[in-house]
């Protein structure tokens, strides 16, 4: 490193007492104490690192200014996203050039005057509050949108009524890695974790477990939300849900870890009351063998893309309510077979 000679890196203590038995071997982990960001030892070590870096790079301030100026020049141009149409209106994001966050705009037609609907730059002094996922109600009259702070995965879901830009009082907390799937125009399904003793502000280092899926009815407090899925015997499983285009079914995609595999469970929203969904899932695909994504459905006949026996994917039709479950892959119908080219 070009200024390595100027550096005296801070020494990190070794805790030789931390030893675990893993697969028949004794594994030492002498720096595990650094996994606790709130400990005084960790704070002192980080402060020493910062001081070392500042001392070693203080002579680079002129070069740093030149780099900053050139990058600012390169990034300073207007940025647009593509239009989407919801509820008879057009929506897109726009950044004038150097705004920390893009602003969500809406307009009645292509030649109409655009209006700023939501500007996350106004929600913090440093511009680090950002959108994290959003979804429209079926008629496009209400938008749910997630907000996260300082790059954290923890999200708060808010709601705005498009007409009049009315901010609604509904607020959903402790949301993380969540879907937002509206059912009709009444409410939506989303994921959350229950409060625990961890900080849950993005600085925690322990894994989150026991994710849950809830239904929130617009205009009610979060404490009234209905629990529709959890799997206490598998604390690391996570799930996202999607309401079908006909508002008839709720499709659940259960995942574990980062493997490209998921389960597919389905429930009939027309015949199963919300409080009974938790115990009424039909486990259409209940083996970890491939990835599945919902495309469409014609009543109980579902269309999915899948990597089952098709690494480059194929499109199949699956009956979600066969006589026996899980569904038999040999009875699935290929609508688009896997092709040799990507």
C-alpha atoms as a PDB file:
ATOM      1  CA  UNK A   1       0.000   0.000   0.000  1.00  0.00           C
ATOM      2  CA  UNK A   2       1.533   3.315  -1.052  1.00  0.00           C
ATOM      3  CA  UNK A   3       1.443   4.920   2.395  1.00  0.00           C
ATOM      4  CA  UNK A   4       1.978   1.692   4.332  1.00  0.00           C
ATOM      5  CA  UNK A   5       5.310   2.898   5.685  1.00  0.00           C
ATOM      6  CA  UNK A   6       3.514   5.689   7.490  1.00  0.00           C
ATOM      7  CA  UNK A   7       1.082   3.365   9.213  1.00  0.00           C
ATOM      8  CA  UNK A   8       1.305   1.682  12.586  1.00  0.00           C
ATOM      9  CA  UNK A   9      -1.823  -0.453  12.618  1.00  0.00           C
ATOM     10  CA  UNK A  10      -3.579  -0.670  15.993  1.00  0.00           C
ATOM     11  CA  UNK A  11      -3.063  -3.964  17.783  1.00  0.00           C
ATOM     12  CA  UNK A  12      -6.139  -6.128  18.364  1.00  0.00           C
ATOM     13  CA  UNK A  13      -6.216  -8.264  21.467  1.00  0.00           C
ATOM     14  CA  UNK A  14      -6.608 -12.019  21.103  1.00  0.00           C
ATOM     15  CA  UNK A  15      -9.063 -13.838  23.352  1.00  0.00           C
ATOM     16  CA  UNK A  16      -7.603 -17.329  23.398  1.00  0.00           C
ATOM     17  CA  UNK A  17     -10.442 -18.604  25.609  1.00  0.00           C
ATOM     18  CA  UNK A  18     -12.970 -18.682  22.738  1.00  0.00           C
ATOM     19  CA  UNK A  19     -12.740 -22.191  21.252  1.00  0.00           C
ATOM     20  CA  UNK A  20     -15.569 -24.219  19.723  1.00  0.00           C
ATOM     21  CA  UNK A  21     -15.864 -27.860  18.702  1.00  0.00           C
ATOM     22  CA  UNK A  22     -17.065 -27.982  15.087  1.00  0.00           C
ATOM     23  CA  UNK A  23     -17.291 -31.277  13.188  1.00  0.00           C
ATOM     24  CA  UNK A  24     -14.791 -32.894  15.515  1.00  0.00           C
ATOM     25  CA  UNK A  25     -12.262 -30.076  15.366  1.00  0.00           C
ATOM     26  CA  UNK A  26     -11.339 -27.423  17.907  1.00  0.00           C
ATOM     27  CA  UNK A  27     -11.710 -24.009  16.212  1.00  0.00           C
ATOM     28  CA  UNK A  28     -10.325 -20.904  17.902  1.00  0.00           C
ATOM     29  CA  UNK A  29     -12.063 -17.575  17.344  1.00  0.00           C
ATOM     30  CA  UNK A  30      -9.894 -15.063  19.209  1.00  0.00           C
ATOM     31  CA  UNK A  31     -11.483 -11.983  17.642  1.00  0.00           C
ATOM     32  CA  UNK A  32     -15.112 -12.780  18.322  1.00  0.00           C
ATOM     33  CA  UNK A  33     -15.271  -9.884  20.729  1.00  0.00           C
ATOM     34  CA  UNK A  34     -15.281  -7.612  17.651  1.00  0.00           C
ATOM     35  CA  UNK A  35     -18.736  -8.962  16.740  1.00  0.00           C
ATOM     36  CA  UNK A  36     -20.254  -6.862  19.526  1.00  0.00           C
ATOM     37  CA  UNK A  37     -20.328  -3.281  18.168  1.00  0.00           C
ATOM     38  CA  UNK A  38     -21.524  -1.920  21.508  1.00  0.00           C
ATOM     39  CA  UNK A  39     -18.641  -3.233  23.634  1.00  0.00           C
ATOM     40  CA  UNK A  40     -16.094  -0.713  24.903  1.00  0.00           C
ATOM     41  CA  UNK A  41     -13.243  -2.804  23.451  1.00  0.00           C
ATOM     42  CA  UNK A  42     -14.790  -2.731  19.960  1.00  0.00           C
ATOM     43  CA  UNK A  43     -15.471   0.995  20.136  1.00  0.00           C
ATOM     44  CA  UNK A  44     -11.875   1.671  21.214  1.00  0.00           C
ATOM     45  CA  UNK A  45     -10.457  -0.481  18.397  1.00  0.00           C
ATOM     46  CA  UNK A  46     -12.639   1.213  15.763  1.00  0.00           C
ATOM     47  CA  UNK A  47     -11.614   4.640  17.062  1.00  0.00           C
ATOM     48  CA  UNK A  48      -7.952   3.632  16.809  1.00  0.00           C
ATOM     49  CA  UNK A  49      -8.499   2.400  13.236  1.00  0.00           C
ATOM     50  CA  UNK A  50     -10.129   5.692  12.265  1.00  0.00           C
ATOM     51  CA  UNK A  51      -7.282   7.685  13.798  1.00  0.00           C
ATOM     52  CA  UNK A  52      -4.707   5.592  11.948  1.00  0.00           C
ATOM     53  CA  UNK A  53      -6.494   6.092   8.632  1.00  0.00           C
ATOM     54  CA  UNK A  54      -6.918   9.837   9.158  1.00  0.00           C
ATOM     55  CA  UNK A  55      -3.218  10.251   9.966  1.00  0.00           C
ATOM     56  CA  UNK A  56      -2.073   8.155   7.000  1.00  0.00           C
ATOM     57  CA  UNK A  57      -4.270   9.930   4.461  1.00  0.00           C
ATOM     58  CA  UNK A  58      -4.106  13.543   5.620  1.00  0.00           C
ATOM     59  CA  UNK A  59      -1.600  14.351   2.855  1.00  0.00           C
ATOM     60  CA  UNK A  60      -4.117  13.154   0.240  1.00  0.00           C
ATOM     61  CA  UNK A  61      -6.661  15.899   0.860  1.00  0.00           C
ATOM     62  CA  UNK A  62      -5.834  17.749  -2.357  1.00  0.00           C
ATOM     63  CA  UNK A  63      -6.147  14.580  -4.443  1.00  0.00           C
ATOM     64  CA  UNK A  64      -9.328  13.663  -2.613  1.00  0.00           C
ATOM     65  CA  UNK A  65     -10.807  17.056  -3.508  1.00  0.00           C
ATOM     66  CA  UNK A  66      -9.941  16.558  -7.168  1.00  0.00           C
ATOM     67  CA  UNK A  67     -11.591  13.124  -7.209  1.00  0.00           C
ATOM     68  CA  UNK A  68     -14.652  14.483  -5.413  1.00  0.00           C
ATOM     69  CA  UNK A  69     -14.980  17.339  -7.879  1.00  0.00           C
ATOM     70  CA  UNK A  70     -14.707  15.070 -10.927  1.00  0.00           C
ATOM     71  CA  UNK A  71     -17.220  12.532  -9.572  1.00  0.00           C
ATOM     72  CA  UNK A  72     -19.626  15.345  -8.720  1.00  0.00           C
ATOM     73  CA  UNK A  73     -19.343  16.619 -12.282  1.00  0.00           C
ATOM     74  CA  UNK A  74     -19.985  13.143 -13.729  1.00  0.00           C
ATOM     75  CA  UNK A  75     -23.019  12.457 -11.538  1.00  0.00           C
ATOM     76  CA  UNK A  76     -24.662  15.851 -12.018  1.00  0.00           C
ATOM     77  CA  UNK A  77     -27.256  15.065 -14.713  1.00  0.00           C
ATOM     78  CA  UNK A  78     -31.055  14.451 -14.552  1.00  0.00           C
ATOM     79  CA  UNK A  79     -32.155  10.853 -14.006  1.00  0.00           C
ATOM     80  CA  UNK A  80     -35.589   9.367 -14.773  1.00  0.00           C
ATOM     81  CA  UNK A  81     -37.151   5.951 -14.307  1.00  0.00           C
ATOM     82  CA  UNK A  82     -39.683   4.511 -16.748  1.00  0.00           C
ATOM     83  CA  UNK A  83     -43.356   5.408 -16.359  1.00  0.00           C
ATOM     84  CA  UNK A  84     -45.820   2.991 -14.775  1.00  0.00           C
ATOM     85  CA  UNK A  85     -49.594   3.447 -14.904  1.00  0.00           C
ATOM     86  CA  UNK A  86     -51.712   2.817 -11.820  1.00  0.00           C
ATOM     87  CA  UNK A  87     -55.278   3.896 -11.216  1.00  0.00           C
ATOM     88  CA  UNK A  88     -55.364   5.950 -14.397  1.00  0.00           C
ATOM     89  CA  UNK A  89     -52.274   7.982 -13.474  1.00  0.00           C
ATOM     90  CA  UNK A  90     -48.604   7.824 -14.439  1.00  0.00           C
ATOM     91  CA  UNK A  91     -45.816   7.467 -11.877  1.00  0.00           C
ATOM     92  CA  UNK A  92     -42.046   7.763 -12.160  1.00  0.00           C
ATOM     93  CA  UNK A  93     -38.979   8.724 -10.145  1.00  0.00           C
ATOM     94  CA  UNK A  94     -36.837  11.751 -10.949  1.00  0.00           C
ATOM     95  CA  UNK A  95     -33.531  13.021  -9.591  1.00  0.00           C
ATOM     96  CA  UNK A  96     -32.345  16.461 -10.662  1.00  0.00           C
ATOM     97  CA  UNK A  97     -28.759  15.242 -10.548  1.00  0.00           C
ATOM     98  CA  UNK A  98     -27.204  15.466  -7.104  1.00  0.00           C
ATOM     99  CA  UNK A  99     -30.185  14.773  -4.866  1.00  0.00           C
ATOM    100  CA  UNK A 100     -29.485  12.078  -2.300  1.00  0.00           C
ATOM    101  CA  UNK A 101     -32.758  10.307  -3.150  1.00  0.00           C
ATOM    102  CA  UNK A 102     -34.997  10.292  -6.206  1.00  0.00           C
ATOM    103  CA  UNK A 103     -38.422  11.924  -5.835  1.00  0.00           C
ATOM    104  CA  UNK A 104     -41.628  10.065  -6.765  1.00  0.00           C
ATOM    105  CA  UNK A 105     -43.709  12.056  -9.256  1.00  0.00           C
ATOM    106  CA  UNK A 106     -47.191  11.528 -10.671  1.00  0.00           C
ATOM    107  CA  UNK A 107     -49.157  13.057 -13.534  1.00  0.00           C
ATOM    108  CA  UNK A 108     -52.535  12.479 -15.166  1.00  0.00           C
ATOM    109  CA  UNK A 109     -51.221  11.995 -18.728  1.00  0.00           C
ATOM    110  CA  UNK A 110     -47.964  12.267 -20.661  1.00  0.00           C
ATOM    111  CA  UNK A 111     -48.582  15.910 -21.522  1.00  0.00           C
ATOM    112  CA  UNK A 112     -49.888  16.868 -18.065  1.00  0.00           C
ATOM    113  CA  UNK A 113     -47.960  18.812 -15.458  1.00  0.00           C
ATOM    114  CA  UNK A 114     -46.029  16.454 -13.104  1.00  0.00           C
ATOM    115  CA  UNK A 115     -46.525  16.697  -9.352  1.00  0.00           C
ATOM    116  CA  UNK A 116     -44.151  15.545  -6.622  1.00  0.00           C
ATOM    117  CA  UNK A 117     -45.965  12.896  -4.588  1.00  0.00           C
ATOM    118  CA  UNK A 118     -43.269  11.753  -2.148  1.00  0.00           C
ATOM    119  CA  UNK A 119     -39.862  13.288  -1.547  1.00  0.00           C
ATOM    120  CA  UNK A 120     -37.692  11.239   0.856  1.00  0.00           C
ATOM    121  CA  UNK A 121     -35.069  14.006   0.885  1.00  0.00           C
ATOM    122  CA  UNK A 122     -37.332  15.986   3.208  1.00  0.00           C
ATOM    123  CA  UNK A 123     -37.426  13.203   5.812  1.00  0.00           C
ATOM    124  CA  UNK A 124     -33.888  13.595   7.159  1.00  0.00           C
ATOM    125  CA  UNK A 125     -31.211  16.275   7.326  1.00  0.00           C
ATOM    126  CA  UNK A 126     -28.577  14.114   5.620  1.00  0.00           C
ATOM    127  CA  UNK A 127     -30.789  12.527   2.949  1.00  0.00           C
ATOM    128  CA  UNK A 128     -30.264   8.963   4.164  1.00  0.00           C
ATOM    129  CA  UNK A 129     -33.958   8.048   4.455  1.00  0.00           C
ATOM    130  CA  UNK A 130     -34.751   6.048   1.330  1.00  0.00           C
ATOM    131  CA  UNK A 131     -37.646   4.219  -0.285  1.00  0.00           C
ATOM    132  CA  UNK A 132     -37.557   0.456   0.283  1.00  0.00           C
ATOM    133  CA  UNK A 133     -40.343  -1.202  -1.669  1.00  0.00           C
ATOM    134  CA  UNK A 134     -43.802   0.094  -2.516  1.00  0.00           C
ATOM    135  CA  UNK A 135     -47.104  -1.199  -3.847  1.00  0.00           C
ATOM    136  CA  UNK A 136     -50.414   0.199  -5.051  1.00  0.00           C
ATOM    137  CA  UNK A 137     -53.864  -0.887  -3.962  1.00  0.00           C
ATOM    138  CA  UNK A 138     -55.811  -2.644  -6.707  1.00  0.00           C
ATOM    139  CA  UNK A 139     -57.575   0.518  -7.888  1.00  0.00           C
ATOM    140  CA  UNK A 140     -54.395   2.581  -7.563  1.00  0.00           C
ATOM    141  CA  UNK A 141     -55.928   4.984  -5.070  1.00  0.00           C
ATOM    142  CA  UNK A 142     -53.541   4.229  -2.183  1.00  0.00           C
ATOM    143  CA  UNK A 143     -49.797   3.650  -2.191  1.00  0.00           C
ATOM    144  CA  UNK A 144     -47.940   1.745   0.511  1.00  0.00           C
ATOM    145  CA  UNK A 145     -44.251   2.570   0.681  1.00  0.00           C
ATOM    146  CA  UNK A 146     -41.363   1.437   2.855  1.00  0.00           C
ATOM    147  CA  UNK A 147     -38.806   3.823   4.362  1.00  0.00           C
ATOM    148  CA  UNK A 148     -35.407   2.834   5.704  1.00  0.00           C
ATOM    149  CA  UNK A 149     -32.807   4.992   7.396  1.00  0.00           C
ATOM    150  CA  UNK A 150     -29.036   5.105   6.860  1.00  0.00           C
ATOM    151  CA  UNK A 151     -28.988   1.979   4.716  1.00  0.00           C
ATOM    152  CA  UNK A 152     -30.640  -0.234   7.316  1.00  0.00           C
ATOM    153  CA  UNK A 153     -32.741  -3.221   6.203  1.00  0.00           C
ATOM    154  CA  UNK A 154     -35.294  -2.340   8.886  1.00  0.00           C
ATOM    155  CA  UNK A 155     -38.254  -0.661   7.255  1.00  0.00           C
ATOM    156  CA  UNK A 156     -41.312   1.329   8.284  1.00  0.00           C
ATOM    157  CA  UNK A 157     -44.296   1.065   5.926  1.00  0.00           C
ATOM    158  CA  UNK A 158     -46.391   4.208   5.429  1.00  0.00           C
ATOM    159  CA  UNK A 159     -49.447   4.946   3.275  1.00  0.00           C
ATOM    160  CA  UNK A 160     -50.548   7.831   1.088  1.00  0.00           C
ATOM    161  CA  UNK A 161     -53.850   8.403  -0.703  1.00  0.00           C
ATOM    162  CA  UNK A 162     -52.991   9.613  -4.190  1.00  0.00           C
ATOM    163  CA  UNK A 163     -55.916  12.030  -4.476  1.00  0.00           C
ATOM    164  CA  UNK A 164     -54.950  15.067  -2.455  1.00  0.00           C
ATOM    165  CA  UNK A 165     -51.592  13.486  -1.472  1.00  0.00           C
ATOM    166  CA  UNK A 166     -53.162  12.577   1.866  1.00  0.00           C
ATOM    167  CA  UNK A 167     -50.751  10.892   4.255  1.00  0.00           C
ATOM    168  CA  UNK A 168     -52.669   8.207   6.126  1.00  0.00           C
ATOM    169  CA  UNK A 169     -52.013   7.481   9.817  1.00  0.00           C
ATOM    170  CA  UNK A 170     -51.370   3.740   9.313  1.00  0.00           C
ATOM    171  CA  UNK A 171     -47.772   2.858  10.254  1.00  0.00           C
ATOM    172  CA  UNK A 172     -46.231  -0.627  10.186  1.00  0.00           C
ATOM    173  CA  UNK A 173     -43.058  -1.091  12.250  1.00  0.00           C
ATOM    174  CA  UNK A 174     -40.414  -3.833  12.653  1.00  0.00           C
ATOM    175  CA  UNK A 175     -40.625  -4.709   8.966  1.00  0.00           C
ATOM    176  CA  UNK A 176     -37.673  -6.395   7.260  1.00  0.00           C
ATOM    177  CA  UNK A 177     -37.185  -8.341   4.011  1.00  0.00           C
ATOM    178  CA  UNK A 178     -40.873  -7.855   3.397  1.00  0.00           C
ATOM    179  CA  UNK A 179     -43.385  -8.244   0.626  1.00  0.00           C
ATOM    180  CA  UNK A 180     -46.175  -5.702   0.158  1.00  0.00           C
ATOM    181  CA  UNK A 181     -49.084  -7.445  -1.523  1.00  0.00           C
ATOM    182  CA  UNK A 182     -52.479  -5.763  -1.567  1.00  0.00           C
ATOM    183  CA  UNK A 183     -55.725  -7.721  -1.338  1.00  0.00           C
ATOM    184  CA  UNK A 184     -58.449  -5.758  -3.107  1.00  0.00           C
ATOM    185  CA  UNK A 185     -58.301  -2.171  -1.848  1.00  0.00           C
ATOM    186  CA  UNK A 186     -58.778  -3.056   1.800  1.00  0.00           C
ATOM    187  CA  UNK A 187     -55.300  -3.907   3.039  1.00  0.00           C
ATOM    188  CA  UNK A 188     -52.082  -5.759   2.380  1.00  0.00           C
ATOM    189  CA  UNK A 189     -49.944  -8.705   3.426  1.00  0.00           C
ATOM    190  CA  UNK A 190     -46.467  -7.899   4.759  1.00  0.00           C
ATOM    191  CA  UNK A 191     -43.633  -9.419   6.808  1.00  0.00           C
ATOM    192  CA  UNK A 192     -42.404  -8.354  10.185  1.00  0.00           C
ATOM    193  CA  UNK A 193     -40.481  -9.503  13.224  1.00  0.00           C
ATOM    194  CA  UNK A 194     -41.797  -9.144  16.728  1.00  0.00           C
ATOM    195  CA  UNK A 195     -39.865  -6.756  18.989  1.00  0.00           C
ATOM    196  CA  UNK A 196     -37.063  -8.373  20.966  1.00  0.00           C
ATOM    197  CA  UNK A 197     -34.139  -7.243  23.083  1.00  0.00           C
ATOM    198  CA  UNK A 198     -31.889  -6.381  20.116  1.00  0.00           C
ATOM    199  CA  UNK A 199     -31.552  -2.822  18.914  1.00  0.00           C
ATOM    200  CA  UNK A 200     -33.277  -3.467  15.544  1.00  0.00           C
ATOM    201  CA  UNK A 201     -31.839  -0.258  14.123  1.00  0.00           C
ATOM    202  CA  UNK A 202     -29.419  -1.754  11.616  1.00  0.00           C
ATOM    203  CA  UNK A 203     -26.388  -1.923  13.926  1.00  0.00           C
ATOM    204  CA  UNK A 204     -27.180  -5.332  15.414  1.00  0.00           C
ATOM    205  CA  UNK A 205     -25.024  -8.300  14.375  1.00  0.00           C
ATOM    206  CA  UNK A 206     -27.157 -11.259  15.410  1.00  0.00           C
ATOM    207  CA  UNK A 207     -29.349 -13.058  12.878  1.00  0.00           C
ATOM    208  CA  UNK A 208     -33.068 -12.292  12.765  1.00  0.00           C
ATOM    209  CA  UNK A 209     -35.263 -15.310  13.296  1.00  0.00           C
ATOM    210  CA  UNK A 210     -38.967 -16.150  13.312  1.00  0.00           C
ATOM    211  CA  UNK A 211     -40.148 -13.922  10.486  1.00  0.00           C
ATOM    212  CA  UNK A 212     -43.936 -13.734  10.280  1.00  0.00           C
ATOM    213  CA  UNK A 213     -46.530 -12.796   7.667  1.00  0.00           C
ATOM    214  CA  UNK A 214     -49.369 -10.486   8.703  1.00  0.00           C
ATOM    215  CA  UNK A 215     -52.414  -8.938   7.081  1.00  0.00           C
ATOM    216  CA  UNK A 216     -53.021  -5.244   7.759  1.00  0.00           C
ATOM    217  CA  UNK A 217     -56.434  -3.741   7.098  1.00  0.00           C
ATOM    218  CA  UNK A 218     -56.209  -0.082   6.136  1.00  0.00           C
ATOM    219  CA  UNK A 219     -57.457   2.247   8.862  1.00  0.00           C
ATOM    220  CA  UNK A 220     -56.715  -0.096  11.785  1.00  0.00           C
ATOM    221  CA  UNK A 221     -53.802  -0.143  14.262  1.00  0.00           C
ATOM    222  CA  UNK A 222     -50.928  -2.538  13.663  1.00  0.00           C
ATOM    223  CA  UNK A 223     -51.791  -4.312  16.905  1.00  0.00           C
ATOM    224  CA  UNK A 224     -54.966  -5.589  15.185  1.00  0.00           C
ATOM    225  CA  UNK A 225     -53.091  -7.151  12.254  1.00  0.00           C
ATOM    226  CA  UNK A 226     -53.847 -10.815  11.586  1.00  0.00           C
ATOM    227  CA  UNK A 227     -51.029 -13.362  11.718  1.00  0.00           C
ATOM    228  CA  UNK A 228     -51.388 -15.618   8.665  1.00  0.00           C
ATOM    229  CA  UNK A 229     -48.060 -17.479   8.596  1.00  0.00           C
ATOM    230  CA  UNK A 230     -45.235 -18.407  10.921  1.00  0.00           C
ATOM    231  CA  UNK A 231     -43.062 -21.473  11.316  1.00  0.00           C
ATOM    232  CA  UNK A 232     -41.725 -21.589  14.891  1.00  0.00           C
ATOM    233  CA  UNK A 233     -40.132 -25.012  14.347  1.00  0.00           C
ATOM    234  CA  UNK A 234     -38.020 -23.518  11.532  1.00  0.00           C
ATOM    235  CA  UNK A 235     -36.888 -20.131  12.918  1.00  0.00           C
ATOM    236  CA  UNK A 236     -34.666 -19.280   9.935  1.00  0.00           C
ATOM    237  CA  UNK A 237     -37.346 -19.767   7.278  1.00  0.00           C
ATOM    238  CA  UNK A 238     -38.635 -16.636   5.578  1.00  0.00           C
ATOM    239  CA  UNK A 239     -41.628 -16.147   3.299  1.00  0.00           C
ATOM    240  CA  UNK A 240     -43.025 -13.667   0.831  1.00  0.00           C
ATOM    241  CA  UNK A 241     -46.623 -13.642  -0.374  1.00  0.00           C
ATOM    242  CA  UNK A 242     -48.395 -12.537  -3.535  1.00  0.00           C
ATOM    243  CA  UNK A 243     -52.131 -12.121  -4.079  1.00  0.00           C
ATOM    244  CA  UNK A 244     -53.159 -13.484  -7.466  1.00  0.00           C
ATOM    245  CA  UNK A 245     -54.370 -11.083 -10.140  1.00  0.00           C
ATOM    246  CA  UNK A 246     -58.000 -12.166  -9.591  1.00  0.00           C
ATOM    247  CA  UNK A 247     -57.779 -11.454  -5.818  1.00  0.00           C
ATOM    248  CA  UNK A 248     -58.862 -15.053  -5.191  1.00  0.00           C
ATOM    249  CA  UNK A 249     -55.712 -16.746  -3.875  1.00  0.00           C
ATOM    250  CA  UNK A 250     -52.704 -15.946  -1.735  1.00  0.00           C
ATOM    251  CA  UNK A 251     -49.486 -17.607  -2.905  1.00  0.00           C
ATOM    252  CA  UNK A 252     -46.735 -18.079  -0.325  1.00  0.00           C
ATOM    253  CA  UNK A 253     -43.081 -18.546  -1.268  1.00  0.00           C
ATOM    254  CA  UNK A 254     -41.086 -20.033   1.619  1.00  0.00           C
ATOM    255  CA  UNK A 255     -37.294 -19.693   1.516  1.00  0.00           C
ATOM    256  CA  UNK A 256     -34.359 -20.732   3.657  1.00  0.00           C
ATOM    257  CA  UNK A 257     -30.962 -19.126   3.358  1.00  0.00           C
ATOM    258  CA  UNK A 258     -29.764 -17.888  -0.017  1.00  0.00           C
ATOM    259  CA  UNK A 259     -30.252 -21.095  -1.989  1.00  0.00           C
ATOM    260  CA  UNK A 260     -32.307 -20.567  -5.180  1.00  0.00           C
ATOM    261  CA  UNK A 261     -35.044 -22.896  -3.943  1.00  0.00           C
ATOM    262  CA  UNK A 262     -38.445 -22.271  -2.409  1.00  0.00           C
ATOM    263  CA  UNK A 263     -41.658 -23.956  -1.373  1.00  0.00           C
ATOM    264  CA  UNK A 264     -45.052 -22.918  -2.771  1.00  0.00           C
ATOM    265  CA  UNK A 265     -48.122 -22.866  -0.547  1.00  0.00           C
ATOM    266  CA  UNK A 266     -51.540 -21.545  -1.568  1.00  0.00           C
ATOM    267  CA  UNK A 267     -54.729 -20.556   0.258  1.00  0.00           C
ATOM    268  CA  UNK A 268     -58.165 -19.637  -1.110  1.00  0.00           C
ATOM    269  CA  UNK A 269     -58.995 -16.149   0.194  1.00  0.00           C
ATOM    270  CA  UNK A 270     -62.610 -16.480  -0.910  1.00  0.00           C
ATOM    271  CA  UNK A 271     -63.396 -19.493   1.248  1.00  0.00           C
ATOM    272  CA  UNK A 272     -60.922 -19.225   4.149  1.00  0.00           C
ATOM    273  CA  UNK A 273     -61.438 -16.419   6.734  1.00  0.00           C
ATOM    274  CA  UNK A 274     -58.330 -14.404   7.551  1.00  0.00           C
ATOM    275  CA  UNK A 275     -57.910 -15.801  11.102  1.00  0.00           C
ATOM    276  CA  UNK A 276     -57.938 -19.354   9.675  1.00  0.00           C
ATOM    277  CA  UNK A 277     -55.359 -18.843   6.927  1.00  0.00           C
ATOM    278  CA  UNK A 278     -52.502 -19.792   9.264  1.00  0.00           C
ATOM    279  CA  UNK A 279     -53.778 -23.382   9.488  1.00  0.00           C
ATOM    280  CA  UNK A 280     -55.229 -23.679   5.974  1.00  0.00           C
ATOM    281  CA  UNK A 281     -52.233 -23.524   3.647  1.00  0.00           C
ATOM    282  CA  UNK A 282     -52.211 -26.051   0.801  1.00  0.00           C
ATOM    283  CA  UNK A 283     -48.599 -27.151   0.359  1.00  0.00           C
ATOM    284  CA  UNK A 284     -48.562 -27.417  -3.417  1.00  0.00           C
ATOM    285  CA  UNK A 285     -44.763 -27.651  -3.666  1.00  0.00           C
ATOM    286  CA  UNK A 286     -43.259 -28.787  -0.390  1.00  0.00           C
ATOM    287  CA  UNK A 287     -39.762 -29.946  -1.255  1.00  0.00           C
ATOM    288  CA  UNK A 288     -36.511 -28.041  -1.628  1.00  0.00           C
ATOM    289  CA  UNK A 289     -35.669 -28.914  -5.208  1.00  0.00           C
ATOM    290  CA  UNK A 290     -36.001 -25.789  -7.385  1.00  0.00           C
ATOM    291  CA  UNK A 291     -37.064 -22.155  -7.668  1.00  0.00           C
ATOM    292  CA  UNK A 292     -40.692 -21.258  -8.432  1.00  0.00           C
ATOM    293  CA  UNK A 293     -42.189 -17.887  -9.367  1.00  0.00           C
ATOM    294  CA  UNK A 294     -45.872 -17.053  -9.903  1.00  0.00           C
ATOM    295  CA  UNK A 295     -46.802 -15.796 -13.373  1.00  0.00           C
ATOM    296  CA  UNK A 296     -50.607 -15.989 -13.593  1.00  0.00           C
ATOM    297  CA  UNK A 297     -53.589 -18.197 -12.846  1.00  0.00           C
ATOM    298  CA  UNK A 298     -56.886 -19.214 -14.412  1.00  0.00           C
ATOM    299  CA  UNK A 299     -58.903 -20.139 -11.362  1.00  0.00           C
ATOM    300  CA  UNK A 300     -57.079 -23.001  -9.588  1.00  0.00           C
ATOM    301  CA  UNK A 301     -54.772 -23.583 -12.578  1.00  0.00           C
ATOM    302  CA  UNK A 302     -51.519 -21.760 -11.880  1.00  0.00           C
ATOM    303  CA  UNK A 303     -48.670 -20.815 -14.172  1.00  0.00           C
ATOM    304  CA  UNK A 304     -45.160 -20.748 -12.701  1.00  0.00           C
ATOM    305  CA  UNK A 305     -41.644 -20.436 -13.943  1.00  0.00           C
ATOM    306  CA  UNK A 306     -39.407 -23.074 -12.408  1.00  0.00           C
ATOM    307  CA  UNK A 307     -35.865 -24.406 -12.528  1.00  0.00           C
ATOM    308  CA  UNK A 308     -37.030 -27.955 -11.737  1.00  0.00           C
ATOM    309  CA  UNK A 309     -35.238 -30.156 -14.295  1.00  0.00           C
ATOM    310  CA  UNK A 310     -34.576 -26.914 -16.191  1.00  0.00           C
ATOM    311  CA  UNK A 311     -31.600 -24.813 -15.023  1.00  0.00           C
ATOM    312  CA  UNK A 312     -32.477 -22.165 -17.649  1.00  0.00           C
ATOM    313  CA  UNK A 313     -36.124 -22.262 -16.491  1.00  0.00           C
ATOM    314  CA  UNK A 314     -39.358 -23.450 -18.058  1.00  0.00           C
ATOM    315  CA  UNK A 315     -42.974 -22.319 -17.733  1.00  0.00           C
ATOM    316  CA  UNK A 316     -45.409 -24.877 -16.332  1.00  0.00           C
ATOM    317  CA  UNK A 317     -49.096 -25.141 -15.429  1.00  0.00           C
ATOM    318  CA  UNK A 318     -49.815 -26.605 -12.005  1.00  0.00           C
ATOM    319  CA  UNK A 319     -53.156 -27.445 -10.444  1.00  0.00           C
ATOM    320  CA  UNK A 320     -53.079 -25.870  -6.996  1.00  0.00           C
ATOM    321  CA  UNK A 321     -55.946 -27.972  -5.682  1.00  0.00           C
ATOM    322  CA  UNK A 322     -55.288 -31.563  -6.804  1.00  0.00           C
ATOM    323  CA  UNK A 323     -56.773 -34.564  -5.024  1.00  0.00           C
ATOM    324  CA  UNK A 324     -53.460 -35.255  -3.291  1.00  0.00           C
ATOM    325  CA  UNK A 325     -50.691 -32.941  -2.117  1.00  0.00           C
ATOM    326  CA  UNK A 326     -47.964 -32.065  -2.730  1.00  0.00           C
ATOM    327  CA  UNK A 327     -48.606 -31.688  -6.444  1.00  0.00           C
ATOM    328  CA  UNK A 328     -47.051 -34.390  -8.643  1.00  0.00           C
ATOM    329  CA  UNK A 329     -44.514 -32.862 -11.075  1.00  0.00           C
ATOM    330  CA  UNK A 330     -45.285 -35.575 -13.616  1.00  0.00           C
ATOM    331  CA  UNK A 331     -48.791 -34.104 -13.940  1.00  0.00           C
ATOM    332  CA  UNK A 332     -47.536 -30.604 -14.667  1.00  0.00           C
ATOM    333  CA  UNK A 333     -47.925 -29.291 -18.200  1.00  0.00           C
ATOM    334  CA  UNK A 334     -45.033 -27.591 -19.946  1.00  0.00           C
ATOM    335  CA  UNK A 335     -46.267 -24.357 -21.526  1.00  0.00           C
ATOM    336  CA  UNK A 336     -42.796 -23.182 -22.553  1.00  0.00           C
ATOM    337  CA  UNK A 337     -40.053 -25.778 -22.411  1.00  0.00           C
ATOM    338  CA  UNK A 338     -36.492 -25.003 -21.420  1.00  0.00           C
ATOM    339  CA  UNK A 339     -34.410 -23.888 -24.376  1.00  0.00           C
ATOM    340  CA  UNK A 340     -30.728 -24.437 -25.008  1.00  0.00           C
ATOM    341  CA  UNK A 341     -29.989 -20.729 -25.324  1.00  0.00           C
ATOM    342  CA  UNK A 342     -30.555 -18.366 -22.364  1.00  0.00           C
END
